[in-house]
Amino acid sequence: MADIKKERTESAADDEEKEVLEASPDEQISEMPKPRVRGPRKQSAPAARAEQPVNLEEQLLFEKYDTKGIVVSDQSLVAYVKIRKTAYPNMFGSRKHQAYYNAHLDIVERLVNKLMRGGTGRKISGKVIRRKGALQGKKLKVIHILEEAFEIIQQKTNKNPVQVLVDAVQNAAPIEDTTRVRYGGISYNVAVGISSQRRLDVGVRNLAVAGVMGSFKNKKTLAEALANEIQLASTNSSDSYAVKKRVEVERIAKRAR
């Protein structure tokens, strides 16, 4: 019985081989199993979204304000007024060990850094302001305060707050200053020019100090006081603390010529 079954299976196999040989080449190809082709994997929505490139040209400051077309009329400050295409300017100290670190800082981040202070630290306008570390090291908190100040500026002036800030810094930056020189035991005040980077630092610092002073023991919040100071300085108003300081420094330097 086993031999009969073996003969039957062998004859069946021979018949199948004959059928395959007798078939046309096209039929043989169609009957062959097709290889399995794997397509590209479907990525999940978050992964696909993460790989999309970010267009830096369309980045808005605080996701609200366009930084294109900002005009710096003072030619000496053009190289130092940096405006980066980012929503929340923060370099995280990535260049702090490089030379001229401050020259690469965004103008908005400069103001944020100047606002992170414990007060005036000395007697200004007849008083010493101590904030007991309310803003020291709290950069995110200060960024939100400045964002609120920009909203107030836009509502009052109906202008781009970034352009208003740049105008305010230009009007608050002094051109001359004085230094003390000692000759033969006698000290003299001598007028000296100020570098562009220091001009920018002094202007931004005076704006920050004015905002801190305006909100100290006052009903105004820091955002409201800062917005008011930036608006006044942008128009070169004599009511601005930063403009007053610039005029005072230049007047003393003029006398010391």
C-alpha atoms as a PDB file:
ATOM      1  CA  MET A   1       0.000   0.000   0.000  1.00  0.00           C
ATOM      2  CA  ALA A   2       2.820   2.351   0.850  1.00  0.00           C
ATOM      3  CA  ASP A   3       4.443   1.719  -2.528  1.00  0.00           C
ATOM      4  CA  ILE A   4       1.161   2.412  -4.364  1.00  0.00           C
ATOM      5  CA  LYS A   5       0.714   5.764  -2.509  1.00  0.00           C
ATOM      6  CA  LYS A   6       4.304   6.711  -3.286  1.00  0.00           C
ATOM      7  CA  GLU A   7       3.827   5.984  -6.994  1.00  0.00           C
ATOM      8  CA  ARG A   8       0.621   8.065  -7.069  1.00  0.00           C
ATOM      9  CA  THR A   9       2.297  11.113  -5.446  1.00  0.00           C
ATOM     10  CA  GLU A  10       5.255  10.899  -7.835  1.00  0.00           C
ATOM     11  CA  SER A  11       2.914  10.735 -10.866  1.00  0.00           C
ATOM     12  CA  ALA A  12       0.953  13.750  -9.570  1.00  0.00           C
ATOM     13  CA  ALA A  13       4.161  15.731  -9.176  1.00  0.00           C
ATOM     14  CA  ASP A  14       5.242  14.825 -12.697  1.00  0.00           C
ATOM     15  CA  ASP A  15       1.884  15.982 -14.101  1.00  0.00           C
ATOM     16  CA  GLU A  16       2.241  19.390 -12.338  1.00  0.00           C
ATOM     17  CA  GLU A  17       5.753  19.849 -13.753  1.00  0.00           C
ATOM     18  CA  LYS A  18       4.475  19.094 -17.265  1.00  0.00           C
ATOM     19  CA  GLU A  19       1.673  21.649 -16.894  1.00  0.00           C
ATOM     20  CA  VAL A  20       4.158  24.320 -15.779  1.00  0.00           C
ATOM     21  CA  LEU A  21       6.505  23.549 -18.676  1.00  0.00           C
ATOM     22  CA  GLU A  22       3.697  23.585 -21.216  1.00  0.00           C
ATOM     23  CA  ALA A  23       2.382  26.967 -19.972  1.00  0.00           C
ATOM     24  CA  SER A  24       3.454  30.188 -21.703  1.00  0.00           C
ATOM     25  CA  PRO A  25       6.197  32.404 -20.152  1.00  0.00           C
ATOM     26  CA  ASP A  26       3.634  35.109 -19.290  1.00  0.00           C
ATOM     27  CA  GLU A  27       1.477  32.606 -17.438  1.00  0.00           C
ATOM     28  CA  GLN A  28       4.536  31.294 -15.602  1.00  0.00           C
ATOM     29  CA  ILE A  29       5.456  34.852 -14.478  1.00  0.00           C
ATOM     30  CA  SER A  30       1.894  35.616 -13.383  1.00  0.00           C
ATOM     31  CA  GLU A  31       1.727  32.446 -11.325  1.00  0.00           C
ATOM     32  CA  MET A  32       4.975  33.215  -9.485  1.00  0.00           C
ATOM     33  CA  PRO A  33       4.462  34.730  -6.021  1.00  0.00           C
ATOM     34  CA  LYS A  34       5.015  38.519  -6.011  1.00  0.00           C
ATOM     35  CA  PRO A  35       7.559  39.880  -3.518  1.00  0.00           C
ATOM     36  CA  ARG A  36       6.118  41.946  -0.654  1.00  0.00           C
ATOM     37  CA  VAL A  37       7.058  45.614  -0.895  1.00  0.00           C
ATOM     38  CA  ARG A  38       6.949  47.629   2.312  1.00  0.00           C
ATOM     39  CA  GLY A  39       6.016  51.247   2.014  1.00  0.00           C
ATOM     40  CA  PRO A  40       7.200  54.060   4.291  1.00  0.00           C
ATOM     41  CA  ARG A  41       5.953  53.944   7.835  1.00  0.00           C
ATOM     42  CA  LYS A  42       3.194  56.328   8.733  1.00  0.00           C
ATOM     43  CA  GLN A  43       4.430  58.708  11.367  1.00  0.00           C
ATOM     44  CA  SER A  44       2.313  59.863  14.192  1.00  0.00           C
ATOM     45  CA  ALA A  45       1.028  63.438  14.120  1.00  0.00           C
ATOM     46  CA  PRO A  46       3.385  64.838  16.830  1.00  0.00           C
ATOM     47  CA  ALA A  47       6.496  63.354  15.169  1.00  0.00           C
ATOM     48  CA  ALA A  48       5.505  64.641  11.740  1.00  0.00           C
ATOM     49  CA  ARG A  49       4.782  68.061  13.219  1.00  0.00           C
ATOM     50  CA  ALA A  50       8.151  68.158  14.980  1.00  0.00           C
ATOM     51  CA  GLU A  51      10.052  67.559  11.742  1.00  0.00           C
ATOM     52  CA  GLN A  52       8.453  70.530   9.972  1.00  0.00           C
ATOM     53  CA  PRO A  53      11.024  73.328   9.617  1.00  0.00           C
ATOM     54  CA  VAL A  54      10.339  76.547  11.508  1.00  0.00           C
ATOM     55  CA  ASN A  55      10.259  79.615   9.280  1.00  0.00           C
ATOM     56  CA  LEU A  56      12.286  82.204  11.185  1.00  0.00           C
ATOM     57  CA  GLU A  57      11.075  84.967   8.879  1.00  0.00           C
ATOM     58  CA  GLU A  58       7.534  84.517  10.206  1.00  0.00           C
ATOM     59  CA  GLN A  59       8.418  84.425  13.917  1.00  0.00           C
ATOM     60  CA  LEU A  60       6.618  87.164  15.842  1.00  0.00           C
ATOM     61  CA  LEU A  61       7.820  88.637  19.105  1.00  0.00           C
ATOM     62  CA  PHE A  62       5.582  87.298  21.890  1.00  0.00           C
ATOM     63  CA  GLU A  63       3.693  85.675  18.968  1.00  0.00           C
ATOM     64  CA  LYS A  64       2.030  89.076  18.370  1.00  0.00           C
ATOM     65  CA  TYR A  65       4.441  91.737  17.102  1.00  0.00           C
ATOM     66  CA  ASP A  66       6.220  91.765  13.766  1.00  0.00           C
ATOM     67  CA  THR A  67       9.910  92.668  13.967  1.00  0.00           C
ATOM     68  CA  LYS A  68      10.328  93.373  10.255  1.00  0.00           C
ATOM     69  CA  GLY A  69      10.921  96.932   9.127  1.00  0.00           C
ATOM     70  CA  ILE A  70      12.208  98.238  12.483  1.00  0.00           C
ATOM     71  CA  VAL A  71      14.113 101.467  11.774  1.00  0.00           C
ATOM     72  CA  VAL A  72      17.176 102.553  13.785  1.00  0.00           C
ATOM     73  CA  SER A  73      17.756 106.191  12.882  1.00  0.00           C
ATOM     74  CA  ASP A  74      20.948 106.592  14.982  1.00  0.00           C
ATOM     75  CA  GLN A  75      23.699 105.185  12.759  1.00  0.00           C
ATOM     76  CA  SER A  76      26.082 104.628  15.668  1.00  0.00           C
ATOM     77  CA  LEU A  77      23.625 102.170  17.254  1.00  0.00           C
ATOM     78  CA  VAL A  78      22.706 100.216  14.115  1.00  0.00           C
ATOM     79  CA  ALA A  79      25.364  97.550  14.704  1.00  0.00           C
ATOM     80  CA  TYR A  80      24.313  97.008  18.351  1.00  0.00           C
ATOM     81  CA  VAL A  81      20.512  97.102  18.232  1.00  0.00           C
ATOM     82  CA  LYS A  82      19.883  93.412  17.572  1.00  0.00           C
ATOM     83  CA  ILE A  83      16.382  92.114  16.889  1.00  0.00           C
ATOM     84  CA  ARG A  84      16.248  88.325  16.658  1.00  0.00           C
ATOM     85  CA  LYS A  85      13.468  86.382  14.931  1.00  0.00           C
ATOM     86  CA  THR A  86      12.150  84.595  17.986  1.00  0.00           C
ATOM     87  CA  ALA A  87       8.963  84.597  20.018  1.00  0.00           C
ATOM     88  CA  TYR A  88      10.625  84.847  23.441  1.00  0.00           C
ATOM     89  CA  PRO A  89      14.201  86.205  23.218  1.00  0.00           C
ATOM     90  CA  ASN A  90      16.455  84.283  25.566  1.00  0.00           C
ATOM     91  CA  MET A  91      20.022  83.210  24.719  1.00  0.00           C
ATOM     92  CA  PHE A  92      20.398  81.273  28.014  1.00  0.00           C
ATOM     93  CA  GLY A  93      23.937  82.653  28.354  1.00  0.00           C
ATOM     94  CA  SER A  94      25.168  80.642  25.376  1.00  0.00           C
ATOM     95  CA  ARG A  95      27.831  83.255  24.512  1.00  0.00           C
ATOM     96  CA  LYS A  96      28.670  84.601  27.941  1.00  0.00           C
ATOM     97  CA  HIS A  97      32.307  83.409  27.709  1.00  0.00           C
ATOM     98  CA  GLN A  98      32.857  85.064  24.333  1.00  0.00           C
ATOM     99  CA  ALA A  99      34.174  88.566  23.769  1.00  0.00           C
ATOM    100  CA  TYR A 100      31.586  91.311  23.319  1.00  0.00           C
ATOM    101  CA  TYR A 101      28.830  89.039  24.600  1.00  0.00           C
ATOM    102  CA  ASN A 102      26.386  91.926  25.085  1.00  0.00           C
ATOM    103  CA  ALA A 103      26.776  92.997  21.456  1.00  0.00           C
ATOM    104  CA  HIS A 104      24.915  89.846  20.367  1.00  0.00           C
ATOM    105  CA  LEU A 105      21.974  90.298  22.741  1.00  0.00           C
ATOM    106  CA  ASP A 106      18.507  91.142  21.495  1.00  0.00           C
ATOM    107  CA  ILE A 107      17.352  94.646  22.465  1.00  0.00           C
ATOM    108  CA  VAL A 108      14.288  93.174  24.203  1.00  0.00           C
ATOM    109  CA  GLU A 109      16.436  90.692  26.140  1.00  0.00           C
ATOM    110  CA  ARG A 110      18.734  93.544  27.189  1.00  0.00           C
ATOM    111  CA  LEU A 111      15.770  95.303  28.786  1.00  0.00           C
ATOM    112  CA  VAL A 112      14.638  92.060  30.449  1.00  0.00           C
ATOM    113  CA  ASN A 113      18.110  91.572  31.961  1.00  0.00           C
ATOM    114  CA  LYS A 114      18.187  95.148  33.258  1.00  0.00           C
ATOM    115  CA  LEU A 115      14.784  94.674  34.911  1.00  0.00           C
ATOM    116  CA  MET A 116      16.003  91.659  36.913  1.00  0.00           C
ATOM    117  CA  ARG A 117      17.322  93.807  39.721  1.00  0.00           C
ATOM    118  CA  GLY A 118      16.706  94.257  43.431  1.00  0.00           C
ATOM    119  CA  GLY A 119      16.032  97.987  43.155  1.00  0.00           C
ATOM    120  CA  THR A 120      18.130 101.060  42.438  1.00  0.00           C
ATOM    121  CA  GLY A 121      20.895 100.117  44.862  1.00  0.00           C
ATOM    122  CA  ARG A 122      21.715 103.761  45.593  1.00  0.00           C
ATOM    123  CA  LYS A 123      20.012 107.021  46.425  1.00  0.00           C
ATOM    124  CA  ILE A 124      18.138 108.211  43.329  1.00  0.00           C
ATOM    125  CA  SER A 125      15.565 111.020  43.468  1.00  0.00           C
ATOM    126  CA  GLY A 126      16.052 111.318  47.222  1.00  0.00           C
ATOM    127  CA  LYS A 127      15.432 107.646  48.092  1.00  0.00           C
ATOM    128  CA  VAL A 128      16.908 104.176  47.899  1.00  0.00           C
ATOM    129  CA  ILE A 129      14.642 101.499  46.420  1.00  0.00           C
ATOM    130  CA  ARG A 130      14.948  97.934  47.701  1.00  0.00           C
ATOM    131  CA  ARG A 131      12.714  95.271  46.135  1.00  0.00           C
ATOM    132  CA  LYS A 132      14.136  92.424  48.268  1.00  0.00           C
ATOM    133  CA  GLY A 133      14.900  90.215  45.284  1.00  0.00           C
ATOM    134  CA  ALA A 134      11.395  90.305  43.822  1.00  0.00           C
ATOM    135  CA  LEU A 135      12.732  90.047  40.247  1.00  0.00           C
ATOM    136  CA  GLN A 136      16.290  88.804  40.672  1.00  0.00           C
ATOM    137  CA  GLY A 137      16.827  85.668  38.599  1.00  0.00           C
ATOM    138  CA  LYS A 138      13.145  85.442  37.595  1.00  0.00           C
ATOM    139  CA  LYS A 139      13.540  85.933  33.873  1.00  0.00           C
ATOM    140  CA  LEU A 140      10.286  84.282  32.804  1.00  0.00           C
ATOM    141  CA  LYS A 141       8.333  86.514  35.182  1.00  0.00           C
ATOM    142  CA  VAL A 142      10.043  89.634  33.802  1.00  0.00           C
ATOM    143  CA  ILE A 143       9.378  88.522  30.196  1.00  0.00           C
ATOM    144  CA  HIS A 144       5.652  88.307  30.959  1.00  0.00           C
ATOM    145  CA  ILE A 145       5.773  91.757  32.607  1.00  0.00           C
ATOM    146  CA  LEU A 146       7.395  93.205  29.496  1.00  0.00           C
ATOM    147  CA  GLU A 147       4.826  91.454  27.296  1.00  0.00           C
ATOM    148  CA  GLU A 148       2.068  93.149  29.299  1.00  0.00           C
ATOM    149  CA  ALA A 149       3.856  96.500  28.967  1.00  0.00           C
ATOM    150  CA  PHE A 150       4.008  96.054  25.185  1.00  0.00           C
ATOM    151  CA  GLU A 151       0.257  95.428  25.091  1.00  0.00           C
ATOM    152  CA  ILE A 152      -0.325  98.707  26.980  1.00  0.00           C
ATOM    153  CA  ILE A 153       1.972 100.594  24.570  1.00  0.00           C
ATOM    154  CA  GLN A 154       0.150  99.216  21.538  1.00  0.00           C
ATOM    155  CA  GLN A 155      -3.238 100.180  22.975  1.00  0.00           C
ATOM    156  CA  LYS A 156      -2.103 103.746  23.765  1.00  0.00           C
ATOM    157  CA  THR A 157      -0.041 104.548  20.684  1.00  0.00           C
ATOM    158  CA  ASN A 158      -1.434 102.111  18.093  1.00  0.00           C
ATOM    159  CA  LYS A 159       2.189 101.511  16.978  1.00  0.00           C
ATOM    160  CA  ASN A 160       4.539  98.559  16.953  1.00  0.00           C
ATOM    161  CA  PRO A 161       5.920  98.370  20.545  1.00  0.00           C
ATOM    162  CA  VAL A 162       9.304  97.163  19.277  1.00  0.00           C
ATOM    163  CA  GLN A 163       9.725 100.335  17.211  1.00  0.00           C
ATOM    164  CA  VAL A 164       8.595 102.437  20.188  1.00  0.00           C
ATOM    165  CA  LEU A 165      11.217 100.721  22.380  1.00  0.00           C
ATOM    166  CA  VAL A 166      13.981 101.324  19.819  1.00  0.00           C
ATOM    167  CA  ASP A 167      13.034 105.027  19.603  1.00  0.00           C
ATOM    168  CA  ALA A 168      13.002 105.290  23.403  1.00  0.00           C
ATOM    169  CA  VAL A 169      16.468 103.742  23.719  1.00  0.00           C
ATOM    170  CA  GLN A 170      17.880 106.115  21.095  1.00  0.00           C
ATOM    171  CA  ASN A 171      16.482 109.145  22.919  1.00  0.00           C
ATOM    172  CA  ALA A 172      17.756 107.879  26.300  1.00  0.00           C
ATOM    173  CA  ALA A 173      21.331 107.140  25.157  1.00  0.00           C
ATOM    174  CA  PRO A 174      23.770 109.966  26.060  1.00  0.00           C
ATOM    175  CA  ILE A 175      26.489 111.028  23.622  1.00  0.00           C
ATOM    176  CA  GLU A 176      28.989 112.415  26.160  1.00  0.00           C
ATOM    177  CA  ASP A 177      29.939 111.676  29.743  1.00  0.00           C
ATOM    178  CA  THR A 178      32.549 112.786  32.262  1.00  0.00           C
ATOM    179  CA  THR A 179      35.390 111.040  34.019  1.00  0.00           C
ATOM    180  CA  ARG A 180      37.602 112.150  36.881  1.00  0.00           C
ATOM    181  CA  VAL A 181      41.269 112.744  36.124  1.00  0.00           C
ATOM    182  CA  ARG A 182      43.831 113.481  38.845  1.00  0.00           C
ATOM    183  CA  TYR A 183      46.761 115.845  38.202  1.00  0.00           C
ATOM    184  CA  GLY A 184      49.161 116.775  40.999  1.00  0.00           C
ATOM    185  CA  GLY A 185      46.726 115.899  43.779  1.00  0.00           C
ATOM    186  CA  ILE A 186      43.836 117.803  42.184  1.00  0.00           C
ATOM    187  CA  SER A 187      40.892 116.013  40.524  1.00  0.00           C
ATOM    188  CA  TYR A 188      39.204 117.364  37.410  1.00  0.00           C
ATOM    189  CA  ASN A 189      36.083 116.340  35.511  1.00  0.00           C
ATOM    190  CA  VAL A 190      36.942 115.769  31.859  1.00  0.00           C
ATOM    191  CA  ALA A 191      34.395 115.292  29.085  1.00  0.00           C
ATOM    192  CA  VAL A 192      34.764 112.028  27.155  1.00  0.00           C
ATOM    193  CA  GLY A 193      32.863 110.381  24.354  1.00  0.00           C
ATOM    194  CA  ILE A 194      30.872 107.206  24.965  1.00  0.00           C
ATOM    195  CA  SER A 195      31.147 104.073  22.868  1.00  0.00           C
ATOM    196  CA  SER A 196      28.039 102.861  21.064  1.00  0.00           C
ATOM    197  CA  GLN A 197      27.697  99.764  23.192  1.00  0.00           C
ATOM    198  CA  ARG A 198      27.866 101.742  26.438  1.00  0.00           C
ATOM    199  CA  ARG A 199      25.381 104.286  25.066  1.00  0.00           C
ATOM    200  CA  LEU A 200      22.920 101.453  24.480  1.00  0.00           C
ATOM    201  CA  ASP A 201      23.560  99.960  27.929  1.00  0.00           C
ATOM    202  CA  VAL A 202      23.044 103.296  29.687  1.00  0.00           C
ATOM    203  CA  GLY A 203      19.832 104.025  27.778  1.00  0.00           C
ATOM    204  CA  VAL A 204      18.310 100.611  28.499  1.00  0.00           C
ATOM    205  CA  ARG A 205      19.389 100.781  32.155  1.00  0.00           C
ATOM    206  CA  ASN A 206      17.748 104.177  32.658  1.00  0.00           C
ATOM    207  CA  LEU A 207      14.498 102.895  31.173  1.00  0.00           C
ATOM    208  CA  ALA A 208      14.540  99.911  33.531  1.00  0.00           C
ATOM    209  CA  VAL A 209      15.363 102.063  36.574  1.00  0.00           C
ATOM    210  CA  ALA A 210      12.546 104.462  35.689  1.00  0.00           C
ATOM    211  CA  GLY A 211      10.078 101.561  35.518  1.00  0.00           C
ATOM    212  CA  VAL A 212      11.195 100.246  38.928  1.00  0.00           C
ATOM    213  CA  MET A 213      10.982 103.721  40.494  1.00  0.00           C
ATOM    214  CA  GLY A 214       7.549 104.389  38.981  1.00  0.00           C
ATOM    215  CA  SER A 215       6.063 101.244  40.504  1.00  0.00           C
ATOM    216  CA  PHE A 216       7.730 101.476  43.937  1.00  0.00           C
ATOM    217  CA  LYS A 217       5.134 102.185  46.656  1.00  0.00           C
ATOM    218  CA  ASN A 218       2.680 103.182  43.956  1.00  0.00           C
ATOM    219  CA  LYS A 219      -0.629 101.908  42.641  1.00  0.00           C
ATOM    220  CA  LYS A 220       0.956 101.428  39.229  1.00  0.00           C
ATOM    221  CA  THR A 221       2.222  97.998  38.365  1.00  0.00           C
ATOM    222  CA  LEU A 222       5.693  97.548  36.925  1.00  0.00           C
ATOM    223  CA  ALA A 223       4.216  96.866  33.479  1.00  0.00           C
ATOM    224  CA  GLU A 224       2.203 100.116  33.568  1.00  0.00           C
ATOM    225  CA  ALA A 225       5.141 102.213  34.834  1.00  0.00           C
ATOM    226  CA  LEU A 226       7.490 100.709  32.265  1.00  0.00           C
ATOM    227  CA  ALA A 227       5.016 101.236  29.414  1.00  0.00           C
ATOM    228  CA  ASN A 228       4.542 104.870  30.447  1.00  0.00           C
ATOM    229  CA  GLU A 229       8.315 105.474  30.597  1.00  0.00           C
ATOM    230  CA  ILE A 230       8.980 103.869  27.205  1.00  0.00           C
ATOM    231  CA  GLN A 231       6.170 105.873  25.621  1.00  0.00           C
ATOM    232  CA  LEU A 232       7.458 109.183  27.065  1.00  0.00           C
ATOM    233  CA  ALA A 233      11.067 108.450  26.095  1.00  0.00           C
ATOM    234  CA  SER A 234      10.073 107.520  22.528  1.00  0.00           C
ATOM    235  CA  THR A 235       8.636 111.025  22.058  1.00  0.00           C
ATOM    236  CA  ASN A 236      11.712 112.622  23.719  1.00  0.00           C
ATOM    237  CA  SER A 237       9.460 114.093  26.390  1.00  0.00           C
ATOM    238  CA  SER A 238      11.005 116.066  29.245  1.00  0.00           C
ATOM    239  CA  ASP A 239       8.780 114.111  31.669  1.00  0.00           C
ATOM    240  CA  SER A 240      10.759 110.950  30.976  1.00  0.00           C
ATOM    241  CA  TYR A 241      13.303 110.011  33.647  1.00  0.00           C
ATOM    242  CA  ALA A 242      15.664 108.470  31.080  1.00  0.00           C
ATOM    243  CA  VAL A 243      15.583 111.597  28.900  1.00  0.00           C
ATOM    244  CA  LYS A 244      16.224 113.794  31.971  1.00  0.00           C
ATOM    245  CA  LYS A 245      19.259 111.697  32.883  1.00  0.00           C
ATOM    246  CA  ARG A 246      20.623 111.966  29.334  1.00  0.00           C
ATOM    247  CA  VAL A 247      20.218 115.744  29.302  1.00  0.00           C
ATOM    248  CA  GLU A 248      21.846 116.049  32.740  1.00  0.00           C
ATOM    249  CA  VAL A 249      24.856 113.912  31.795  1.00  0.00           C
ATOM    250  CA  GLU A 250      25.415 115.811  28.539  1.00  0.00           C
ATOM    251  CA  ARG A 251      25.069 119.182  30.314  1.00  0.00           C
ATOM    252  CA  ILE A 252      27.744 118.228  32.881  1.00  0.00           C
ATOM    253  CA  ALA A 253      30.023 116.993  30.090  1.00  0.00           C
ATOM    254  CA  LYS A 254      29.556 120.225  28.168  1.00  0.00           C
ATOM    255  CA  ARG A 255      30.649 122.244  31.218  1.00  0.00           C
ATOM    256  CA  ALA A 256      33.728 120.052  31.675  1.00  0.00           C
ATOM    257  CA  ARG A 257      35.047 120.568  28.126  1.00  0.00           C
END
